[in-house]
């Protein structure tokens, strides 16, 4: 689940989710859970509507 910044290209938040976009809040750390809740609150203000995106493969 990706929340992209409305103002700064390449900035935003990303969280693990299932194919339907459900984030397991219990599986997140306290910091990640707070960031997720912040991101949801900032949709339309600082962040775009979230989108389910495939994870980018890691280099190496």
C-alpha atoms as a PDB file:
ATOM      1  CA  UNK A   1       0.000   0.000   0.000  1.00  0.00           C
ATOM      2  CA  UNK A   2       1.663   3.198  -1.188  1.00  0.00           C
ATOM      3  CA  UNK A   3       0.765   6.728  -0.196  1.00  0.00           C
ATOM      4  CA  UNK A   4       2.595   9.098  -2.566  1.00  0.00           C
ATOM      5  CA  UNK A   5       3.329  12.732  -1.696  1.00  0.00           C
ATOM      6  CA  UNK A   6       1.247  15.305  -3.548  1.00  0.00           C
ATOM      7  CA  UNK A   7       4.118  17.809  -3.436  1.00  0.00           C
ATOM      8  CA  UNK A   8       7.469  15.979  -3.425  1.00  0.00           C
ATOM      9  CA  UNK A   9       8.084  13.473  -6.208  1.00  0.00           C
ATOM     10  CA  UNK A  10       9.500  10.202  -4.912  1.00  0.00           C
ATOM     11  CA  UNK A  11       8.344  10.824  -1.335  1.00  0.00           C
ATOM     12  CA  UNK A  12       5.596   9.086   0.598  1.00  0.00           C
ATOM     13  CA  UNK A  13       4.880   5.997   2.665  1.00  0.00           C
ATOM     14  CA  UNK A  14       4.666   2.288   1.831  1.00  0.00           C
ATOM     15  CA  UNK A  15       3.252  -0.531   3.950  1.00  0.00           C
ATOM     16  CA  UNK A  16       2.893  -4.273   3.404  1.00  0.00           C
ATOM     17  CA  UNK A  17      -0.627  -5.315   2.446  1.00  0.00           C
ATOM     18  CA  UNK A  18      -2.536  -8.145   0.836  1.00  0.00           C
ATOM     19  CA  UNK A  19      -3.815  -8.069  -2.742  1.00  0.00           C
ATOM     20  CA  UNK A  20      -6.977  -6.276  -1.645  1.00  0.00           C
ATOM     21  CA  UNK A  21      -5.002  -3.505   0.082  1.00  0.00           C
ATOM     22  CA  UNK A  22      -5.617  -4.631   3.649  1.00  0.00           C
ATOM     23  CA  UNK A  23      -2.785  -3.695   6.016  1.00  0.00           C
ATOM     24  CA  UNK A  24      -2.264  -5.905   9.097  1.00  0.00           C
ATOM     25  CA  UNK A  25      -2.063  -3.228  11.786  1.00  0.00           C
ATOM     26  CA  UNK A  26      -1.175  -5.802  14.441  1.00  0.00           C
ATOM     27  CA  UNK A  27       1.798  -6.899  12.349  1.00  0.00           C
ATOM     28  CA  UNK A  28       3.279  -3.394  12.130  1.00  0.00           C
ATOM     29  CA  UNK A  29       5.752  -1.942  14.598  1.00  0.00           C
ATOM     30  CA  UNK A  30       4.498   0.939  16.745  1.00  0.00           C
ATOM     31  CA  UNK A  31       6.319   3.431  14.527  1.00  0.00           C
ATOM     32  CA  UNK A  32       4.999   1.910  11.301  1.00  0.00           C
ATOM     33  CA  UNK A  33       1.446   1.792  12.702  1.00  0.00           C
ATOM     34  CA  UNK A  34       1.650   5.480  13.686  1.00  0.00           C
ATOM     35  CA  UNK A  35       3.014   6.333  10.223  1.00  0.00           C
ATOM     36  CA  UNK A  36       0.189   4.357   8.581  1.00  0.00           C
ATOM     37  CA  UNK A  37      -2.475   6.149  10.611  1.00  0.00           C
ATOM     38  CA  UNK A  38      -0.826   9.501   9.836  1.00  0.00           C
ATOM     39  CA  UNK A  39      -0.699   8.677   6.122  1.00  0.00           C
ATOM     40  CA  UNK A  40      -4.390   7.774   6.089  1.00  0.00           C
ATOM     41  CA  UNK A  41      -5.248  11.052   7.815  1.00  0.00           C
ATOM     42  CA  UNK A  42      -3.195  13.072   5.304  1.00  0.00           C
ATOM     43  CA  UNK A  43      -4.846  11.696   2.138  1.00  0.00           C
ATOM     44  CA  UNK A  44      -5.943  14.676   0.079  1.00  0.00           C
ATOM     45  CA  UNK A  45      -3.930  17.101   2.205  1.00  0.00           C
ATOM     46  CA  UNK A  46      -0.323  15.961   1.800  1.00  0.00           C
ATOM     47  CA  UNK A  47      -0.687  12.496   0.261  1.00  0.00           C
ATOM     48  CA  UNK A  48      -2.482  11.009  -2.737  1.00  0.00           C
ATOM     49  CA  UNK A  49      -5.132   8.313  -2.435  1.00  0.00           C
ATOM     50  CA  UNK A  50      -3.248   5.095  -1.633  1.00  0.00           C
ATOM     51  CA  UNK A  51      -2.639   2.438  -4.247  1.00  0.00           C
ATOM     52  CA  UNK A  52      -1.722  -1.224  -4.042  1.00  0.00           C
ATOM     53  CA  UNK A  53       1.590  -1.626  -5.859  1.00  0.00           C
ATOM     54  CA  UNK A  54       3.852  -4.595  -6.385  1.00  0.00           C
ATOM     55  CA  UNK A  55       7.035  -4.558  -4.349  1.00  0.00           C
ATOM     56  CA  UNK A  56      10.080  -3.552  -6.382  1.00  0.00           C
ATOM     57  CA  UNK A  57      12.669  -6.327  -6.663  1.00  0.00           C
ATOM     58  CA  UNK A  58      15.774  -5.765  -4.572  1.00  0.00           C
ATOM     59  CA  UNK A  59      19.030  -5.198  -6.421  1.00  0.00           C
ATOM     60  CA  UNK A  60      21.803  -7.598  -5.848  1.00  0.00           C
END
